[in-house]
Amino acid sequence: MSDAFTRFEHDGWERVAGRYEAAWSSLTRPFVAPLLDAARVGPGDRVLDVACGPGYAAGCAIDRGARAIAVDFSAEMVRLARARRPDLDVRVGDAQALDLPPGAFDAVVMNFGALHLADPGAAFREAARVLVPGGHLAFTVWADPNRSPGAAIVDAAIRAHADMRVPLPPGPPCFAYQRPADCRRILERAGFDRASVTFRTETVAWRVPSPEFVFEAERDAGVRTAALLAAQTPRVIASIRSDIRTAVAPLARGGAYEIPFAAHVIAASLPAAR
């Protein structure tokens, strides 16, 4: 972990891993089925879940009859994934330098992990290396505020009040991989068939118990946004919290609040013969 961004992300997820299930699982898990569908995961397939977090994608792959290995750079996340799914082979590892042999998998999936890596392109190249010819990669990234009402709520509140000059380690943009043409070019460079790249936007209703839940999740169970918030004054924090609460309040549905969040499901295949 020689670069500052990797150390920052690693230390952050080690710190907040225990809060992930309560804070984020109801938002990220609904994208697992579309992710596995995009990677064409079925019975008997050998699947690698990279940057696996609590292991949701690998667990669902096993439930489909696949054989799965999961990898994450956070030992605490690996511990949680093993506790959740004792039947899951979970390992500490670097998505950008996998300690796995070439051609070992039929599918590689990454659910919202790419933009927590210093070099996502290296992770895509590693995915290509460990896949069989014709194998499939699929990953998800959050849609930007123009296409995701939930992201727009958080983004607008922060930009209205926060000092954005907080010196965070430089990393990939939070809303990278927003254009199909860019994805085709990047994945082709990693070794995938340009014509095979698919790009689909999925929207889910994130059901939360209170208007404050979104702010609290970002503050207490995130990494980049949490670091930005931690550097703000109490007055600024109160204003951000108030704006998010005000925007979420009209979304009340049946005793909870349903916030639309969108993500892109991006997939590609290797050429059938290399």
C-alpha atoms as a PDB file:
ATOM      1  CA  MET A   1       0.000   0.000   0.000  1.00  0.00           C
ATOM      2  CA  SER A   2       2.529   2.511  -1.150  1.00  0.00           C
ATOM      3  CA  ASP A   3       0.184   5.251  -2.384  1.00  0.00           C
ATOM      4  CA  ALA A   4      -1.670   7.679  -0.141  1.00  0.00           C
ATOM      5  CA  PHE A   5      -5.129   7.033  -1.619  1.00  0.00           C
ATOM      6  CA  THR A   6      -4.935   3.266  -1.046  1.00  0.00           C
ATOM      7  CA  ARG A   7      -3.807   3.791   2.543  1.00  0.00           C
ATOM      8  CA  PHE A   8      -6.621   6.313   3.059  1.00  0.00           C
ATOM      9  CA  GLU A   9      -9.290   3.962   1.687  1.00  0.00           C
ATOM     10  CA  HIS A  10      -7.890   0.917   3.485  1.00  0.00           C
ATOM     11  CA  ASP A  11      -7.719   2.644   6.852  1.00  0.00           C
ATOM     12  CA  GLY A  12     -11.194   4.088   6.361  1.00  0.00           C
ATOM     13  CA  TRP A  13     -12.842   0.761   5.584  1.00  0.00           C
ATOM     14  CA  GLU A  14     -10.997  -0.959   8.413  1.00  0.00           C
ATOM     15  CA  ARG A  15     -12.498   1.677  10.703  1.00  0.00           C
ATOM     16  CA  VAL A  16     -16.113   1.598   9.477  1.00  0.00           C
ATOM     17  CA  ALA A  17     -16.496  -1.997   8.239  1.00  0.00           C
ATOM     18  CA  GLY A  18     -18.626  -2.940  11.228  1.00  0.00           C
ATOM     19  CA  ARG A  19     -21.151  -0.261  10.314  1.00  0.00           C
ATOM     20  CA  TYR A  20     -21.516  -1.258   6.657  1.00  0.00           C
ATOM     21  CA  GLU A  21     -24.321  -3.773   7.089  1.00  0.00           C
ATOM     22  CA  ALA A  22     -26.612  -1.380   8.960  1.00  0.00           C
ATOM     23  CA  ALA A  23     -25.750   1.667   6.866  1.00  0.00           C
ATOM     24  CA  TRP A  24     -25.327   0.532   3.255  1.00  0.00           C
ATOM     25  CA  SER A  25     -26.486  -3.047   2.671  1.00  0.00           C
ATOM     26  CA  SER A  26     -30.072  -2.076   1.832  1.00  0.00           C
ATOM     27  CA  LEU A  27     -28.711   0.253  -0.873  1.00  0.00           C
ATOM     28  CA  THR A  28     -25.956  -1.854  -2.436  1.00  0.00           C
ATOM     29  CA  ARG A  29     -27.476  -5.351  -2.294  1.00  0.00           C
ATOM     30  CA  PRO A  30     -30.320  -4.670  -4.773  1.00  0.00           C
ATOM     31  CA  PHE A  31     -27.687  -4.157  -7.472  1.00  0.00           C
ATOM     32  CA  VAL A  32     -26.130  -7.596  -6.955  1.00  0.00           C
ATOM     33  CA  ALA A  33     -28.623  -9.533  -9.108  1.00  0.00           C
ATOM     34  CA  PRO A  34     -28.228  -7.169 -12.116  1.00  0.00           C
ATOM     35  CA  LEU A  35     -24.450  -7.350 -11.622  1.00  0.00           C
ATOM     36  CA  LEU A  36     -24.416 -11.162 -11.687  1.00  0.00           C
ATOM     37  CA  ASP A  37     -26.803 -11.184 -14.643  1.00  0.00           C
ATOM     38  CA  ALA A  38     -24.459  -8.854 -16.543  1.00  0.00           C
ATOM     39  CA  ALA A  39     -21.564 -11.236 -15.811  1.00  0.00           C
ATOM     40  CA  ARG A  40     -23.751 -14.180 -16.949  1.00  0.00           C
ATOM     41  CA  VAL A  41     -23.168 -16.038 -13.686  1.00  0.00           C
ATOM     42  CA  GLY A  42     -24.869 -19.424 -13.557  1.00  0.00           C
ATOM     43  CA  PRO A  43     -24.509 -22.897 -12.018  1.00  0.00           C
ATOM     44  CA  GLY A  44     -21.001 -24.289 -12.077  1.00  0.00           C
ATOM     45  CA  ASP A  45     -19.306 -21.010 -12.996  1.00  0.00           C
ATOM     46  CA  ARG A  46     -16.100 -20.033 -11.218  1.00  0.00           C
ATOM     47  CA  VAL A  47     -16.665 -16.492  -9.939  1.00  0.00           C
ATOM     48  CA  LEU A  48     -14.296 -13.972  -8.374  1.00  0.00           C
ATOM     49  CA  ASP A  49     -15.846 -11.171  -6.277  1.00  0.00           C
ATOM     50  CA  VAL A  50     -13.243  -8.378  -6.158  1.00  0.00           C
ATOM     51  CA  ALA A  51     -13.315  -5.611  -3.525  1.00  0.00           C
ATOM     52  CA  CYS A  52     -16.018  -7.796  -2.027  1.00  0.00           C
ATOM     53  CA  GLY A  53     -16.820  -5.905   1.183  1.00  0.00           C
ATOM     54  CA  PRO A  54     -19.173  -8.123   3.215  1.00  0.00           C
ATOM     55  CA  GLY A  55     -19.269 -10.641   0.349  1.00  0.00           C
ATOM     56  CA  TYR A  56     -22.807 -10.040  -0.914  1.00  0.00           C
ATOM     57  CA  ALA A  57     -22.064 -10.727  -4.592  1.00  0.00           C
ATOM     58  CA  ALA A  58     -20.038 -13.868  -3.908  1.00  0.00           C
ATOM     59  CA  GLY A  59     -22.730 -15.179  -1.577  1.00  0.00           C
ATOM     60  CA  CYS A  60     -25.432 -14.635  -4.194  1.00  0.00           C
ATOM     61  CA  ALA A  61     -23.251 -16.312  -6.822  1.00  0.00           C
ATOM     62  CA  ILE A  62     -23.028 -19.388  -4.583  1.00  0.00           C
ATOM     63  CA  ASP A  63     -26.805 -19.279  -4.191  1.00  0.00           C
ATOM     64  CA  ARG A  64     -27.015 -19.490  -7.997  1.00  0.00           C
ATOM     65  CA  GLY A  65     -24.931 -22.662  -7.949  1.00  0.00           C
ATOM     66  CA  ALA A  66     -21.625 -21.035  -8.839  1.00  0.00           C
ATOM     67  CA  ARG A  67     -18.295 -21.523  -7.084  1.00  0.00           C
ATOM     68  CA  ALA A  68     -16.973 -18.252  -5.694  1.00  0.00           C
ATOM     69  CA  ILE A  69     -13.869 -16.696  -4.197  1.00  0.00           C
ATOM     70  CA  ALA A  70     -14.023 -13.220  -2.675  1.00  0.00           C
ATOM     71  CA  VAL A  71     -11.142 -10.759  -2.168  1.00  0.00           C
ATOM     72  CA  ASP A  72     -10.926  -7.478  -0.259  1.00  0.00           C
ATOM     73  CA  PHE A  73      -8.005  -5.364   0.942  1.00  0.00           C
ATOM     74  CA  SER A  74      -9.651  -4.799   4.340  1.00  0.00           C
ATOM     75  CA  ALA A  75      -9.004  -7.607   6.814  1.00  0.00           C
ATOM     76  CA  GLU A  76     -11.983  -6.400   8.834  1.00  0.00           C
ATOM     77  CA  MET A  77     -14.281  -6.681   5.809  1.00  0.00           C
ATOM     78  CA  VAL A  78     -12.922 -10.174   5.172  1.00  0.00           C
ATOM     79  CA  ARG A  79     -13.667 -11.118   8.777  1.00  0.00           C
ATOM     80  CA  LEU A  80     -17.245  -9.850   8.433  1.00  0.00           C
ATOM     81  CA  ALA A  81     -17.757 -11.665   5.127  1.00  0.00           C
ATOM     82  CA  ARG A  82     -16.569 -14.935   6.674  1.00  0.00           C
ATOM     83  CA  ALA A  83     -18.896 -14.446   9.627  1.00  0.00           C
ATOM     84  CA  ARG A  84     -21.846 -13.803   7.309  1.00  0.00           C
ATOM     85  CA  ARG A  85     -21.124 -16.727   4.964  1.00  0.00           C
ATOM     86  CA  PRO A  86     -19.007 -19.491   6.518  1.00  0.00           C
ATOM     87  CA  ASP A  87     -19.292 -21.344   3.198  1.00  0.00           C
ATOM     88  CA  LEU A  88     -17.474 -18.531   1.370  1.00  0.00           C
ATOM     89  CA  ASP A  89     -13.766 -18.555   0.484  1.00  0.00           C
ATOM     90  CA  VAL A  90     -12.786 -14.969   1.390  1.00  0.00           C
ATOM     91  CA  ARG A  91      -9.221 -13.696   1.236  1.00  0.00           C
ATOM     92  CA  VAL A  92      -7.326 -10.501   1.945  1.00  0.00           C
ATOM     93  CA  GLY A  93      -5.944  -9.284  -1.356  1.00  0.00           C
ATOM     94  CA  ASP A  94      -5.312  -6.394  -3.708  1.00  0.00           C
ATOM     95  CA  ALA A  95      -7.691  -6.032  -6.663  1.00  0.00           C
ATOM     96  CA  GLN A  96      -4.882  -4.332  -8.578  1.00  0.00           C
ATOM     97  CA  ALA A  97      -2.420  -7.224  -8.059  1.00  0.00           C
ATOM     98  CA  LEU A  98      -4.347 -10.441  -7.511  1.00  0.00           C
ATOM     99  CA  ASP A  99      -2.527 -13.417  -6.030  1.00  0.00           C
ATOM    100  CA  LEU A 100      -4.449 -15.786  -8.290  1.00  0.00           C
ATOM    101  CA  PRO A 101      -3.444 -17.795 -11.386  1.00  0.00           C
ATOM    102  CA  PRO A 102      -4.290 -16.816 -14.970  1.00  0.00           C
ATOM    103  CA  GLY A 103      -7.459 -18.211 -16.505  1.00  0.00           C
ATOM    104  CA  ALA A 104      -8.929 -19.382 -13.212  1.00  0.00           C
ATOM    105  CA  PHE A 105     -12.398 -17.816 -13.461  1.00  0.00           C
ATOM    106  CA  ASP A 106     -15.387 -17.633 -15.765  1.00  0.00           C
ATOM    107  CA  ALA A 107     -16.597 -14.320 -14.308  1.00  0.00           C
ATOM    108  CA  VAL A 108     -15.195 -11.449 -12.247  1.00  0.00           C
ATOM    109  CA  VAL A 109     -17.576  -9.044 -10.498  1.00  0.00           C
ATOM    110  CA  MET A 110     -17.037  -5.857  -8.517  1.00  0.00           C
ATOM    111  CA  ASN A 111     -19.991  -4.211  -6.757  1.00  0.00           C
ATOM    112  CA  PHE A 112     -19.130  -0.527  -6.169  1.00  0.00           C
ATOM    113  CA  GLY A 113     -15.469  -1.328  -5.549  1.00  0.00           C
ATOM    114  CA  ALA A 114     -13.748   0.201  -8.579  1.00  0.00           C
ATOM    115  CA  LEU A 115     -13.682   3.806  -7.387  1.00  0.00           C
ATOM    116  CA  HIS A 116     -12.215   2.834  -4.016  1.00  0.00           C
ATOM    117  CA  LEU A 117      -9.055   1.758  -5.875  1.00  0.00           C
ATOM    118  CA  ALA A 118      -6.132   4.020  -6.723  1.00  0.00           C
ATOM    119  CA  ASP A 119      -5.912   2.485 -10.222  1.00  0.00           C
ATOM    120  CA  PRO A 120      -9.162   0.896 -11.431  1.00  0.00           C
ATOM    121  CA  GLY A 121      -7.546   0.229 -14.802  1.00  0.00           C
ATOM    122  CA  ALA A 122      -5.058  -2.090 -13.104  1.00  0.00           C
ATOM    123  CA  ALA A 123      -7.966  -3.986 -11.531  1.00  0.00           C
ATOM    124  CA  PHE A 124      -9.595  -4.393 -14.944  1.00  0.00           C
ATOM    125  CA  ARG A 125      -6.314  -5.712 -16.380  1.00  0.00           C
ATOM    126  CA  GLU A 126      -6.026  -8.150 -13.488  1.00  0.00           C
ATOM    127  CA  ALA A 127      -9.611  -9.272 -14.102  1.00  0.00           C
ATOM    128  CA  ALA A 128      -8.719  -9.959 -17.724  1.00  0.00           C
ATOM    129  CA  ARG A 129      -5.650 -11.933 -16.635  1.00  0.00           C
ATOM    130  CA  VAL A 130      -7.531 -14.273 -14.286  1.00  0.00           C
ATOM    131  CA  LEU A 131     -10.451 -14.854 -16.663  1.00  0.00           C
ATOM    132  CA  VAL A 132     -10.705 -17.668 -19.171  1.00  0.00           C
ATOM    133  CA  PRO A 133     -10.941 -16.705 -22.852  1.00  0.00           C
ATOM    134  CA  GLY A 134     -14.490 -15.490 -23.392  1.00  0.00           C
ATOM    135  CA  GLY A 135     -14.908 -14.813 -19.660  1.00  0.00           C
ATOM    136  CA  HIS A 136     -16.978 -11.935 -18.343  1.00  0.00           C
ATOM    137  CA  LEU A 137     -16.318  -8.898 -16.164  1.00  0.00           C
ATOM    138  CA  ALA A 138     -19.108  -6.818 -14.609  1.00  0.00           C
ATOM    139  CA  PHE A 139     -18.906  -3.907 -12.203  1.00  0.00           C
ATOM    140  CA  THR A 140     -21.143  -1.194 -10.791  1.00  0.00           C
ATOM    141  CA  VAL A 141     -20.553   2.516 -10.179  1.00  0.00           C
ATOM    142  CA  TRP A 142     -22.901   5.138  -8.808  1.00  0.00           C
ATOM    143  CA  ALA A 143     -24.653   7.353 -11.342  1.00  0.00           C
ATOM    144  CA  ASP A 144     -23.907  11.047 -11.054  1.00  0.00           C
ATOM    145  CA  PRO A 145     -26.316  13.559  -9.473  1.00  0.00           C
ATOM    146  CA  ASN A 146     -27.837  14.422 -12.857  1.00  0.00           C
ATOM    147  CA  ARG A 147     -29.212  10.877 -13.129  1.00  0.00           C
ATOM    148  CA  SER A 148     -29.607   9.847  -9.490  1.00  0.00           C
ATOM    149  CA  PRO A 149     -32.000  11.812  -7.239  1.00  0.00           C
ATOM    150  CA  GLY A 150     -30.422  10.384  -4.091  1.00  0.00           C
ATOM    151  CA  ALA A 151     -26.933  11.391  -5.154  1.00  0.00           C
ATOM    152  CA  ALA A 152     -28.282  14.828  -6.062  1.00  0.00           C
ATOM    153  CA  ILE A 153     -29.672  15.317  -2.539  1.00  0.00           C
ATOM    154  CA  VAL A 154     -26.318  14.628  -0.883  1.00  0.00           C
ATOM    155  CA  ASP A 155     -24.257  16.468  -3.496  1.00  0.00           C
ATOM    156  CA  ALA A 156     -26.401  19.612  -3.384  1.00  0.00           C
ATOM    157  CA  ALA A 157     -26.310  19.823   0.407  1.00  0.00           C
ATOM    158  CA  ILE A 158     -22.537  19.408   0.578  1.00  0.00           C
ATOM    159  CA  ARG A 159     -21.769  21.835  -2.235  1.00  0.00           C
ATOM    160  CA  ALA A 160     -24.114  24.455  -0.778  1.00  0.00           C
ATOM    161  CA  HIS A 161     -22.304  24.600   2.556  1.00  0.00           C
ATOM    162  CA  ALA A 162     -19.017  22.677   2.754  1.00  0.00           C
ATOM    163  CA  ASP A 163     -15.501  23.924   2.308  1.00  0.00           C
ATOM    164  CA  MET A 164     -14.460  21.671  -0.587  1.00  0.00           C
ATOM    165  CA  ARG A 165     -10.757  22.491  -0.205  1.00  0.00           C
ATOM    166  CA  VAL A 166     -10.186  19.677   2.305  1.00  0.00           C
ATOM    167  CA  PRO A 167      -6.837  18.041   1.373  1.00  0.00           C
ATOM    168  CA  LEU A 168      -7.864  14.451   0.675  1.00  0.00           C
ATOM    169  CA  PRO A 169      -5.487  12.036  -1.108  1.00  0.00           C
ATOM    170  CA  PRO A 170      -6.113  12.193  -4.868  1.00  0.00           C
ATOM    171  CA  GLY A 171      -8.029   9.251  -6.275  1.00  0.00           C
ATOM    172  CA  PRO A 172     -10.464   8.423  -9.081  1.00  0.00           C
ATOM    173  CA  PRO A 173     -13.395  10.860  -9.428  1.00  0.00           C
ATOM    174  CA  CYS A 174     -16.363   9.785  -7.315  1.00  0.00           C
ATOM    175  CA  PHE A 175     -18.529   9.710 -10.442  1.00  0.00           C
ATOM    176  CA  ALA A 176     -16.197   8.151 -13.005  1.00  0.00           C
ATOM    177  CA  TYR A 177     -17.354   5.735 -15.741  1.00  0.00           C
ATOM    178  CA  GLN A 178     -20.480   7.701 -16.603  1.00  0.00           C
ATOM    179  CA  ARG A 179     -20.243   7.416 -20.416  1.00  0.00           C
ATOM    180  CA  PRO A 180     -20.498   4.185 -22.422  1.00  0.00           C
ATOM    181  CA  ALA A 181     -17.870   5.380 -24.906  1.00  0.00           C
ATOM    182  CA  ASP A 182     -15.349   5.962 -22.124  1.00  0.00           C
ATOM    183  CA  CYS A 183     -16.063   2.520 -20.669  1.00  0.00           C
ATOM    184  CA  ARG A 184     -15.560   0.856 -24.040  1.00  0.00           C
ATOM    185  CA  ARG A 185     -12.194   2.560 -24.489  1.00  0.00           C
ATOM    186  CA  ILE A 186     -10.961   1.785 -20.961  1.00  0.00           C
ATOM    187  CA  LEU A 187     -12.048  -1.850 -21.019  1.00  0.00           C
ATOM    188  CA  GLU A 188     -10.603  -2.415 -24.481  1.00  0.00           C
ATOM    189  CA  ARG A 189      -7.251  -1.180 -23.174  1.00  0.00           C
ATOM    190  CA  ALA A 190      -7.529  -3.749 -20.360  1.00  0.00           C
ATOM    191  CA  GLY A 191      -7.925  -6.562 -22.911  1.00  0.00           C
ATOM    192  CA  PHE A 192     -11.697  -6.859 -23.283  1.00  0.00           C
ATOM    193  CA  ASP A 193     -13.641  -6.997 -26.531  1.00  0.00           C
ATOM    194  CA  ARG A 194     -14.823  -3.453 -27.224  1.00  0.00           C
ATOM    195  CA  ALA A 195     -17.943  -4.672 -29.020  1.00  0.00           C
ATOM    196  CA  SER A 196     -18.983  -6.739 -25.998  1.00  0.00           C
ATOM    197  CA  VAL A 197     -19.218  -3.799 -23.568  1.00  0.00           C
ATOM    198  CA  THR A 198     -22.694  -3.185 -22.173  1.00  0.00           C
ATOM    199  CA  PHE A 199     -23.806  -0.215 -20.083  1.00  0.00           C
ATOM    200  CA  ARG A 200     -27.117  -0.244 -18.272  1.00  0.00           C
ATOM    201  CA  THR A 201     -28.493   2.142 -15.652  1.00  0.00           C
ATOM    202  CA  GLU A 202     -30.518   0.647 -12.810  1.00  0.00           C
ATOM    203  CA  THR A 203     -32.490   2.642 -10.225  1.00  0.00           C
ATOM    204  CA  VAL A 204     -33.606   1.349  -6.844  1.00  0.00           C
ATOM    205  CA  ALA A 205     -35.651   2.926  -4.060  1.00  0.00           C
ATOM    206  CA  TRP A 206     -33.444   3.015  -0.985  1.00  0.00           C
ATOM    207  CA  ARG A 207     -35.811   2.576   1.943  1.00  0.00           C
ATOM    208  CA  VAL A 208     -34.475   4.299   5.082  1.00  0.00           C
ATOM    209  CA  PRO A 209     -36.064   4.713   8.533  1.00  0.00           C
ATOM    210  CA  SER A 210     -35.634   8.485   8.943  1.00  0.00           C
ATOM    211  CA  PRO A 211     -34.769  11.632   6.978  1.00  0.00           C
ATOM    212  CA  GLU A 212     -31.486  11.834   8.922  1.00  0.00           C
ATOM    213  CA  PHE A 213     -30.378   8.302   7.991  1.00  0.00           C
ATOM    214  CA  VAL A 214     -28.632   9.297   4.760  1.00  0.00           C
ATOM    215  CA  PHE A 215     -26.550  12.006   6.430  1.00  0.00           C
ATOM    216  CA  GLU A 216     -25.646   9.701   9.324  1.00  0.00           C
ATOM    217  CA  ALA A 217     -24.604   6.913   6.951  1.00  0.00           C
ATOM    218  CA  GLU A 218     -22.319   9.263   5.039  1.00  0.00           C
ATOM    219  CA  ARG A 219     -20.848  10.709   8.237  1.00  0.00           C
ATOM    220  CA  ASP A 220     -20.411   7.491  10.214  1.00  0.00           C
ATOM    221  CA  ALA A 221     -20.025   4.660   7.693  1.00  0.00           C
ATOM    222  CA  GLY A 222     -18.310   6.161   4.659  1.00  0.00           C
ATOM    223  CA  VAL A 223     -14.742   7.086   3.802  1.00  0.00           C
ATOM    224  CA  ARG A 224     -14.268   9.934   1.311  1.00  0.00           C
ATOM    225  CA  THR A 225     -17.429  11.870   2.150  1.00  0.00           C
ATOM    226  CA  ALA A 226     -16.939  11.141   5.841  1.00  0.00           C
ATOM    227  CA  ALA A 227     -13.447  12.653   5.693  1.00  0.00           C
ATOM    228  CA  LEU A 228     -14.801  15.751   3.967  1.00  0.00           C
ATOM    229  CA  LEU A 229     -17.534  16.112   6.591  1.00  0.00           C
ATOM    230  CA  ALA A 230     -15.100  15.594   9.457  1.00  0.00           C
ATOM    231  CA  ALA A 231     -13.181  18.686   8.351  1.00  0.00           C
ATOM    232  CA  GLN A 232     -16.236  21.007   8.430  1.00  0.00           C
ATOM    233  CA  THR A 233     -17.329  23.301  11.251  1.00  0.00           C
ATOM    234  CA  PRO A 234     -20.281  22.313  13.470  1.00  0.00           C
ATOM    235  CA  ARG A 235     -22.361  25.055  11.848  1.00  0.00           C
ATOM    236  CA  VAL A 236     -21.672  23.725   8.356  1.00  0.00           C
ATOM    237  CA  ILE A 237     -22.447  20.169   9.455  1.00  0.00           C
ATOM    238  CA  ALA A 238     -25.773  21.311  10.889  1.00  0.00           C
ATOM    239  CA  SER A 239     -26.658  23.044   7.602  1.00  0.00           C
ATOM    240  CA  ILE A 240     -25.767  19.986   5.498  1.00  0.00           C
ATOM    241  CA  ARG A 241     -27.765  17.738   7.783  1.00  0.00           C
ATOM    242  CA  SER A 242     -30.752  20.088   7.643  1.00  0.00           C
ATOM    243  CA  ASP A 243     -30.707  20.295   3.834  1.00  0.00           C
ATOM    244  CA  ILE A 244     -30.592  16.505   3.468  1.00  0.00           C
ATOM    245  CA  ARG A 245     -33.363  16.049   6.030  1.00  0.00           C
ATOM    246  CA  THR A 246     -35.549  18.626   4.246  1.00  0.00           C
ATOM    247  CA  ALA A 247     -35.007  16.965   0.846  1.00  0.00           C
ATOM    248  CA  VAL A 248     -35.718  13.442   2.134  1.00  0.00           C
ATOM    249  CA  ALA A 249     -38.791  14.307   4.227  1.00  0.00           C
ATOM    250  CA  PRO A 250     -41.249  14.486   1.258  1.00  0.00           C
ATOM    251  CA  LEU A 251     -40.226  10.948   0.228  1.00  0.00           C
ATOM    252  CA  ALA A 252     -42.123   9.338   3.113  1.00  0.00           C
ATOM    253  CA  ARG A 253     -43.754   6.056   2.139  1.00  0.00           C
ATOM    254  CA  GLY A 254     -45.467   3.644   4.536  1.00  0.00           C
ATOM    255  CA  GLY A 255     -43.612   4.585   7.685  1.00  0.00           C
ATOM    256  CA  ALA A 256     -40.201   4.929   6.005  1.00  0.00           C
ATOM    257  CA  TYR A 257     -38.573   7.046   3.275  1.00  0.00           C
ATOM    258  CA  GLU A 258     -37.824   5.841  -0.247  1.00  0.00           C
ATOM    259  CA  ILE A 259     -34.956   7.597  -2.012  1.00  0.00           C
ATOM    260  CA  PRO A 260     -34.236   6.793  -5.685  1.00  0.00           C
ATOM    261  CA  PHE A 261     -30.568   5.963  -6.264  1.00  0.00           C
ATOM    262  CA  ALA A 262     -29.192   5.026  -9.679  1.00  0.00           C
ATOM    263  CA  ALA A 263     -26.102   3.051 -10.635  1.00  0.00           C
ATOM    264  CA  HIS A 264     -24.532   1.918 -13.877  1.00  0.00           C
ATOM    265  CA  VAL A 265     -23.972  -1.802 -14.441  1.00  0.00           C
ATOM    266  CA  ILE A 266     -21.077  -2.147 -16.873  1.00  0.00           C
ATOM    267  CA  ALA A 267     -19.935  -5.445 -18.368  1.00  0.00           C
ATOM    268  CA  ALA A 268     -17.491  -6.747 -20.945  1.00  0.00           C
ATOM    269  CA  SER A 269     -16.164 -10.069 -22.203  1.00  0.00           C
ATOM    270  CA  LEU A 270     -12.736 -11.236 -23.240  1.00  0.00           C
ATOM    271  CA  PRO A 271     -12.270 -12.407 -26.829  1.00  0.00           C
ATOM    272  CA  ALA A 272     -13.065 -16.094 -27.109  1.00  0.00           C
ATOM    273  CA  ALA A 273      -9.464 -16.843 -28.098  1.00  0.00           C
ATOM    274  CA  ARG A 274      -6.353 -14.875 -27.223  1.00  0.00           C
END
